[in-house]
């Protein structure tokens, strides 16, 4: 998977098609929202549209891609862990 070779990327949050990278641009919020720009999380490398990125930063305060990765990689405790002595 990925958005290489002309393949269009989709927002991990809402599935919207993403058109470009917003990093380093001086566009206003309204301009960015209309351009389908992608914001990539440096932790999980998932891409998000402007609206989802704003919602994540303003409301969730944690990346859903990073949370998914954490939950998938946590070991399932099958035996009780002994208490430290």
Protein backbone atom coordinates (compact mmCIF):
# COMPACT_ATOMS: atom_id res chain seq x y z
CA UNK A 1 0.00 0.00 0.00
CA UNK A 2 0.92 3.64 0.00
CA UNK A 3 0.61 6.68 -2.18
CA UNK A 4 3.48 6.18 -4.55
CA UNK A 5 3.56 5.85 -8.30
CA UNK A 6 0.57 8.10 -8.93
CA UNK A 7 -1.68 6.21 -6.50
CA UNK A 8 -3.96 8.56 -4.56
CA UNK A 9 -3.75 8.51 -0.77
CA UNK A 10 -6.79 8.54 1.50
CA UNK A 11 -7.28 10.13 4.90
CA UNK A 12 -6.88 7.54 7.66
CA UNK A 13 -9.66 9.29 9.61
CA UNK A 14 -12.46 9.77 7.10
CA UNK A 15 -11.27 8.16 3.87
CA UNK A 16 -11.27 11.41 1.84
CA UNK A 17 -8.90 11.53 -1.14
CA UNK A 18 -5.75 13.48 -0.39
CA UNK A 19 -3.97 15.57 -2.96
CA UNK A 20 -0.70 16.85 -1.53
CA UNK A 21 1.55 17.56 1.41
CA UNK A 22 0.74 20.62 3.53
CA UNK A 23 4.14 20.75 5.16
CA UNK A 24 5.92 24.02 4.55
CA UNK A 25 3.04 25.78 2.78
CA UNK A 26 1.86 29.25 3.79
CA UNK A 27 -1.77 28.62 2.82
CA UNK A 28 -4.68 29.71 5.00
CA UNK A 29 -6.88 27.15 6.76
CA UNK A 30 -9.63 27.66 4.18
CA UNK A 31 -7.22 27.15 1.28
CA UNK A 32 -5.77 23.99 2.84
CA UNK A 33 -9.20 22.52 3.53
CA UNK A 34 -10.26 22.94 -0.11
CA UNK A 35 -7.06 21.46 -1.56
CA UNK A 36 -7.28 18.01 0.08
CA UNK A 37 -3.83 18.41 1.58
CA UNK A 38 -2.36 15.59 3.64
CA UNK A 39 -0.84 15.84 7.08
CA UNK A 40 1.31 12.84 7.95
CA UNK A 41 1.83 11.71 11.53
CA UNK A 42 5.56 11.32 12.22
CA UNK A 43 4.83 8.44 14.61
CA UNK A 44 2.66 6.06 12.58
CA UNK A 45 3.06 7.69 9.13
CA UNK A 46 -0.73 7.71 8.56
CA UNK A 47 -2.07 10.59 6.46
CA UNK A 48 -4.97 12.82 7.51
CA UNK A 49 -7.01 15.51 5.73
CA UNK A 50 -7.09 19.05 7.11
CA UNK A 51 -10.41 18.54 8.92
CA UNK A 52 -9.37 15.30 10.62
CA UNK A 53 -5.95 16.70 11.52
CA UNK A 54 -7.61 19.71 13.14
CA UNK A 55 -10.07 17.49 15.03
CA UNK A 56 -7.24 15.23 16.24
CA UNK A 57 -5.19 18.17 17.52
CA UNK A 58 -8.08 20.18 18.99
CA UNK A 59 -10.23 17.40 20.47
CA UNK A 60 -8.58 13.98 20.63
CA UNK A 61 -5.03 15.07 21.48
CA UNK A 62 -3.77 11.67 20.33
CA UNK A 63 -3.28 10.17 16.89
CA UNK A 64 -5.76 7.39 16.02
CA UNK A 65 -3.10 5.70 13.88
CA UNK A 66 -0.65 5.61 16.78
CA UNK A 67 -3.38 4.37 19.14
CA UNK A 68 -4.32 1.60 16.70
CA UNK A 69 -0.69 0.58 16.39
CA UNK A 70 -0.29 0.51 20.18
CA UNK A 71 -3.44 -1.58 20.69
CA UNK A 72 -2.46 -4.09 18.00
CA UNK A 73 1.04 -4.58 19.40
CA UNK A 74 0.19 -4.92 23.09
CA UNK A 75 0.75 -8.46 24.32
CA UNK A 76 -2.24 -10.32 25.66
CA UNK A 77 -1.63 -11.44 29.24
CA UNK A 78 -2.29 -15.18 29.39
CA UNK A 79 -0.83 -15.80 32.84
CA UNK A 80 -0.79 -13.58 35.91
CA UNK A 81 2.37 -11.53 36.10
CA UNK A 82 4.14 -12.03 39.43
CA UNK A 83 4.34 -8.95 41.65
CA UNK A 84 7.81 -7.44 42.04
CA UNK A 85 9.55 -8.46 45.26
